[in-house]
Every structure is written in structure tokens, then in C-alpha cells.
Amino acid sequence: MNSPKNHQLIALLRSEWELLMTSMLTLQLSVNKCKLIGQKNSYSFEELESFDSLTSKFSRTSDIFTQKVMRTIWMLMHEGFVPFIDMLNKAEKMYIIESADKLIEIRDLRNQIAHEYIPEAIRDLIPEVIDLSVELNKNLEVCRLFLEQRHWI
């Protein structure tokens, strides 16, 4: 398991993990800012920009985790390519993540954000983005423990 390819994958995983941690930190800062804004009848332009930033950071962070980090872990474990849902279900059974169902919800919300064009629709998604950001962080913590046990990060 100490092949040159594995060393390259571990180096890639470490760099992706650092990117993920930076992304998660900025996501948490946006979550805190948007919680302070709260829900009300109308929002200033700056408040709407904060919501837009939050949804963007949520989407980016979830993509880094599911499309980069998880796929690199999969390659390191010499697991064959499987559909996204199958990968998450197996990852949950292997204690790489906390909840496949929550990560599927996160992915669905990310897709919904990507296809919403009406600012009011994005604004209405903010409570769910905030709640699922907590779930994303829980999954990252479980993954971190998995990776640390293997000395991959």
C-alpha cells in the first residue's frame, strides 16, 4: 500500500483536505453572519449578497467534500467507481462519514441552489442551508477521524 501512486494520492488528499477546511471555515463565518440577519419581510442589498455568498460557499464546500475528498479516499482504498449514492452508503458503513442520507440531502440542496434563478427562492433556502451546514460539518468530523486513524492527513 506504500506505492508511489498511493503517496501521490495521499499528497492530493492532504491538499484537498486543506482546501476543504478553508472552505468550511468561510462557510461557518457566512452561516454566523446570516443567522444574525435572521428572517424578516425585506432585506437590504448587502443582506441579500450575504445570502448569496452563503449559498455559494455551501455549494463549493459540499462539492469539495463529495467530489474531491471522497473520490480521492475511494481511490486510496482501491474501491471501484460506483454511483454517488452507492459510494455514500458504503462510506457510512465503513465509518468514513456519519450519514449518507444527510449528504444526499446536502447534494440535493446544492443542486437546487445551482438551478434557482429567483433571488427570493434562494432567500427561502437559507434556513435549510444553515441547518445542513451543521450536518456537513458533522460528516467532515467523522471523515477527519477516519483519515487521521490511517495517517492520511
C-alpha atoms as a PDB file:
ATOM      1  CA  MET A   1       0.000   0.000   0.000  1.00  0.00           C
ATOM      2  CA  ASN A   2       3.015   2.320   0.020  1.00  0.00           C
ATOM      3  CA  SER A   3       3.272   2.530  -3.750  1.00  0.00           C
ATOM      4  CA  PRO A   4       4.291   5.775  -5.460  1.00  0.00           C
ATOM      5  CA  LYS A   5       0.683   6.117  -6.654  1.00  0.00           C
ATOM      6  CA  ASN A   6      -0.561   5.907  -3.052  1.00  0.00           C
ATOM      7  CA  HIS A   7       1.942   8.578  -1.995  1.00  0.00           C
ATOM      8  CA  GLN A   8       0.622  10.807  -4.776  1.00  0.00           C
ATOM      9  CA  LEU A   9      -2.975  10.169  -3.744  1.00  0.00           C
ATOM     10  CA  ILE A  10      -2.188  10.904  -0.096  1.00  0.00           C
ATOM     11  CA  ALA A  11      -0.498  14.162  -1.123  1.00  0.00           C
ATOM     12  CA  LEU A  12      -3.550  15.016  -3.240  1.00  0.00           C
ATOM     13  CA  LEU A  13      -5.895  14.130  -0.376  1.00  0.00           C
ATOM     14  CA  ARG A  14      -3.953  16.344   2.037  1.00  0.00           C
ATOM     15  CA  SER A  15      -4.114  19.282  -0.325  1.00  0.00           C
ATOM     16  CA  GLU A  16      -7.852  18.719  -0.925  1.00  0.00           C
ATOM     17  CA  TRP A  17      -8.416  18.424   2.825  1.00  0.00           C
ATOM     18  CA  GLU A  18      -6.692  21.766   3.444  1.00  0.00           C
ATOM     19  CA  LEU A  19      -8.857  23.352   0.756  1.00  0.00           C
ATOM     20  CA  LEU A  20     -11.922  21.785   2.370  1.00  0.00           C
ATOM     21  CA  MET A  21     -11.008  23.078   5.835  1.00  0.00           C
ATOM     22  CA  THR A  22     -10.503  26.606   4.491  1.00  0.00           C
ATOM     23  CA  SER A  23     -13.800  26.394   2.629  1.00  0.00           C
ATOM     24  CA  MET A  24     -15.613  25.077   5.724  1.00  0.00           C
ATOM     25  CA  LEU A  25     -14.222  27.911   7.836  1.00  0.00           C
ATOM     26  CA  THR A  26     -15.512  30.550   5.420  1.00  0.00           C
ATOM     27  CA  LEU A  27     -18.855  28.711   5.232  1.00  0.00           C
ATOM     28  CA  GLN A  28     -19.158  28.803   9.028  1.00  0.00           C
ATOM     29  CA  LEU A  29     -18.402  32.536   9.048  1.00  0.00           C
ATOM     30  CA  SER A  30     -21.150  33.099   6.452  1.00  0.00           C
ATOM     31  CA  VAL A  31     -23.573  30.932   8.451  1.00  0.00           C
ATOM     32  CA  ASN A  32     -22.925  33.066  11.536  1.00  0.00           C
ATOM     33  CA  LYS A  33     -23.399  36.288   9.565  1.00  0.00           C
ATOM     34  CA  CYS A  34     -26.671  35.099   8.025  1.00  0.00           C
ATOM     35  CA  LYS A  35     -28.000  33.889  11.373  1.00  0.00           C
ATOM     36  CA  LEU A  36     -27.572  37.450  12.650  1.00  0.00           C
ATOM     37  CA  ILE A  37     -29.558  38.797   9.695  1.00  0.00           C
ATOM     38  CA  GLY A  38     -32.422  36.472  10.544  1.00  0.00           C
ATOM     39  CA  GLN A  39     -35.761  36.250   8.790  1.00  0.00           C
ATOM     40  CA  LYS A  40     -37.752  39.377   8.026  1.00  0.00           C
ATOM     41  CA  ASN A  41     -40.096  40.796   5.399  1.00  0.00           C
ATOM     42  CA  SER A  42     -37.495  42.652   3.361  1.00  0.00           C
ATOM     43  CA  TYR A  43     -33.725  42.643   3.074  1.00  0.00           C
ATOM     44  CA  SER A  44     -31.119  45.180   2.079  1.00  0.00           C
ATOM     45  CA  PHE A  45     -28.906  44.559  -0.930  1.00  0.00           C
ATOM     46  CA  GLU A  46     -25.995  43.761   1.408  1.00  0.00           C
ATOM     47  CA  GLU A  47     -28.084  41.193   3.288  1.00  0.00           C
ATOM     48  CA  LEU A  48     -29.128  39.528   0.033  1.00  0.00           C
ATOM     49  CA  GLU A  49     -25.462  39.454  -1.019  1.00  0.00           C
ATOM     50  CA  SER A  50     -24.665  37.697   2.275  1.00  0.00           C
ATOM     51  CA  PHE A  51     -27.308  35.056   1.495  1.00  0.00           C
ATOM     52  CA  ASP A  52     -25.901  34.629  -1.996  1.00  0.00           C
ATOM     53  CA  SER A  53     -22.404  34.250  -0.572  1.00  0.00           C
ATOM     54  CA  LEU A  54     -23.652  31.664   1.922  1.00  0.00           C
ATOM     55  CA  THR A  55     -25.291  29.521  -0.737  1.00  0.00           C
ATOM     56  CA  SER A  56     -22.204  29.745  -2.925  1.00  0.00           C
ATOM     57  CA  LYS A  57     -19.907  28.717  -0.072  1.00  0.00           C
ATOM     58  CA  PHE A  58     -22.255  25.889   0.900  1.00  0.00           C
ATOM     59  CA  SER A  59     -22.264  24.547  -2.659  1.00  0.00           C
ATOM     60  CA  ARG A  60     -18.496  24.859  -3.031  1.00  0.00           C
ATOM     61  CA  THR A  61     -17.742  23.205   0.312  1.00  0.00           C
ATOM     62  CA  SER A  62     -20.091  20.296  -0.322  1.00  0.00           C
ATOM     63  CA  ASP A  63     -18.569  19.807  -3.788  1.00  0.00           C
ATOM     64  CA  ILE A  64     -15.007  19.791  -2.446  1.00  0.00           C
ATOM     65  CA  PHE A  65     -16.011  17.163   0.104  1.00  0.00           C
ATOM     66  CA  THR A  66     -18.125  14.884  -2.067  1.00  0.00           C
ATOM     67  CA  GLN A  67     -16.452  15.291  -5.456  1.00  0.00           C
ATOM     68  CA  LYS A  68     -12.818  15.693  -4.453  1.00  0.00           C
ATOM     69  CA  VAL A  69     -12.079  14.362  -0.967  1.00  0.00           C
ATOM     70  CA  MET A  70     -14.489  11.417  -1.040  1.00  0.00           C
ATOM     71  CA  ARG A  71     -13.409  10.348  -4.533  1.00  0.00           C
ATOM     72  CA  THR A  72      -9.723  10.520  -3.554  1.00  0.00           C
ATOM     73  CA  ILE A  73     -10.414   8.440  -0.430  1.00  0.00           C
ATOM     74  CA  TRP A  74     -12.209   5.957  -2.665  1.00  0.00           C
ATOM     75  CA  MET A  75      -9.176   5.671  -4.931  1.00  0.00           C
ATOM     76  CA  LEU A  76      -6.837   5.292  -1.947  1.00  0.00           C
ATOM     77  CA  MET A  77      -8.959   2.432  -0.691  1.00  0.00           C
ATOM     78  CA  HIS A  78      -8.800   0.822  -4.141  1.00  0.00           C
ATOM     79  CA  GLU A  79     -12.573   0.804  -4.388  1.00  0.00           C
ATOM     80  CA  GLY A  80     -14.056   0.693  -7.863  1.00  0.00           C
ATOM     81  CA  PHE A  81     -16.098   3.532  -9.295  1.00  0.00           C
ATOM     82  CA  VAL A  82     -19.691   3.389  -8.097  1.00  0.00           C
ATOM     83  CA  PRO A  83     -22.607   5.808  -8.379  1.00  0.00           C
ATOM     84  CA  PHE A  84     -22.637   8.665  -5.856  1.00  0.00           C
ATOM     85  CA  ILE A  85     -25.417   7.234  -3.668  1.00  0.00           C
ATOM     86  CA  ASP A  86     -23.775   3.802  -3.521  1.00  0.00           C
ATOM     87  CA  MET A  87     -20.444   5.376  -2.570  1.00  0.00           C
ATOM     88  CA  LEU A  88     -22.062   7.314   0.285  1.00  0.00           C
ATOM     89  CA  ASN A  89     -23.960   4.295   1.579  1.00  0.00           C
ATOM     90  CA  LYS A  90     -20.782   2.208   1.634  1.00  0.00           C
ATOM     91  CA  ALA A  91     -18.787   5.090   3.156  1.00  0.00           C
ATOM     92  CA  GLU A  92     -21.314   5.285   6.004  1.00  0.00           C
ATOM     93  CA  LYS A  93     -20.956   1.548   6.674  1.00  0.00           C
ATOM     94  CA  MET A  94     -17.158   1.977   6.696  1.00  0.00           C
ATOM     95  CA  TYR A  95     -17.428   4.919   9.166  1.00  0.00           C
ATOM     96  CA  ILE A  96     -15.917   7.374   6.690  1.00  0.00           C
ATOM     97  CA  ILE A  97     -18.986   9.623   7.042  1.00  0.00           C
ATOM     98  CA  GLU A  98     -21.745   9.969   9.589  1.00  0.00           C
ATOM     99  CA  SER A  99     -24.813   9.890   7.349  1.00  0.00           C
ATOM    100  CA  ALA A 100     -25.275   9.026   3.689  1.00  0.00           C
ATOM    101  CA  ASP A 101     -28.838  10.337   3.861  1.00  0.00           C
ATOM    102  CA  LYS A 102     -27.709  13.768   5.105  1.00  0.00           C
ATOM    103  CA  LEU A 103     -25.027  14.018   2.424  1.00  0.00           C
ATOM    104  CA  ILE A 104     -27.625  13.131  -0.204  1.00  0.00           C
ATOM    105  CA  GLU A 105     -29.847  15.907   1.194  1.00  0.00           C
ATOM    106  CA  ILE A 106     -26.864  18.263   1.043  1.00  0.00           C
ATOM    107  CA  ARG A 107     -26.208  17.275  -2.573  1.00  0.00           C
ATOM    108  CA  ASP A 108     -29.886  17.770  -3.467  1.00  0.00           C
ATOM    109  CA  LEU A 109     -29.905  21.223  -1.847  1.00  0.00           C
ATOM    110  CA  ARG A 110     -26.664  22.110  -3.659  1.00  0.00           C
ATOM    111  CA  ASN A 111     -28.329  21.151  -6.949  1.00  0.00           C
ATOM    112  CA  GLN A 112     -31.428  23.151  -6.077  1.00  0.00           C
ATOM    113  CA  ILE A 113     -29.271  26.220  -5.330  1.00  0.00           C
ATOM    114  CA  ALA A 114     -27.448  25.813  -8.643  1.00  0.00           C
ATOM    115  CA  HIS A 115     -30.725  25.872 -10.576  1.00  0.00           C
ATOM    116  CA  GLU A 116     -32.541  28.681  -8.741  1.00  0.00           C
ATOM    117  CA  TYR A 117     -32.540  31.980 -10.573  1.00  0.00           C
ATOM    118  CA  ILE A 118     -35.012  33.950  -8.478  1.00  0.00           C
ATOM    119  CA  PRO A 119     -33.392  35.775  -5.522  1.00  0.00           C
ATOM    120  CA  GLU A 120     -36.466  35.163  -3.362  1.00  0.00           C
ATOM    121  CA  ALA A 121     -36.136  31.410  -3.889  1.00  0.00           C
ATOM    122  CA  ILE A 122     -32.518  31.484  -2.726  1.00  0.00           C
ATOM    123  CA  ARG A 123     -33.538  33.554   0.309  1.00  0.00           C
ATOM    124  CA  ASP A 124     -36.158  30.948   1.206  1.00  0.00           C
ATOM    125  CA  LEU A 125     -33.481  28.218   1.166  1.00  0.00           C
ATOM    126  CA  ILE A 126     -31.282  29.948   3.768  1.00  0.00           C
ATOM    127  CA  PRO A 127     -32.706  28.178   6.874  1.00  0.00           C
ATOM    128  CA  GLU A 128     -32.134  24.802   5.200  1.00  0.00           C
ATOM    129  CA  VAL A 129     -28.616  25.811   4.124  1.00  0.00           C
ATOM    130  CA  ILE A 130     -27.822  26.786   7.719  1.00  0.00           C
ATOM    131  CA  ASP A 131     -29.208  23.509   9.112  1.00  0.00           C
ATOM    132  CA  LEU A 132     -27.443  21.343   6.548  1.00  0.00           C
ATOM    133  CA  SER A 133     -24.165  23.211   7.081  1.00  0.00           C
ATOM    134  CA  VAL A 134     -24.191  21.734  10.586  1.00  0.00           C
ATOM    135  CA  GLU A 135     -24.768  18.265   9.112  1.00  0.00           C
ATOM    136  CA  LEU A 136     -21.970  18.788   6.605  1.00  0.00           C
ATOM    137  CA  ASN A 137     -19.609  19.681   9.436  1.00  0.00           C
ATOM    138  CA  LYS A 138     -20.621  16.551  11.387  1.00  0.00           C
ATOM    139  CA  ASN A 139     -19.762  14.403   8.376  1.00  0.00           C
ATOM    140  CA  LEU A 140     -16.426  16.184   7.980  1.00  0.00           C
ATOM    141  CA  GLU A 141     -15.567  15.423  11.599  1.00  0.00           C
ATOM    142  CA  VAL A 142     -16.281  11.711  11.170  1.00  0.00           C
ATOM    143  CA  CYS A 143     -14.228  11.722   7.988  1.00  0.00           C
ATOM    144  CA  ARG A 144     -11.371  13.561   9.733  1.00  0.00           C
ATOM    145  CA  LEU A 145     -11.193  10.831  12.397  1.00  0.00           C
ATOM    146  CA  PHE A 146     -11.158   8.152   9.696  1.00  0.00           C
ATOM    147  CA  LEU A 147      -8.329   9.886   7.833  1.00  0.00           C
ATOM    148  CA  GLU A 148      -6.294  10.575  10.967  1.00  0.00           C
ATOM    149  CA  GLN A 149      -6.506   6.913  12.019  1.00  0.00           C
ATOM    150  CA  ARG A 150      -4.890   5.997   8.698  1.00  0.00           C
ATOM    151  CA  HIS A 151      -2.351   8.851   8.908  1.00  0.00           C
ATOM    152  CA  TRP A 152      -3.638  10.203   5.603  1.00  0.00           C
ATOM    153  CA  ILE A 153      -3.960  13.730   6.999  1.00  0.00           C
END
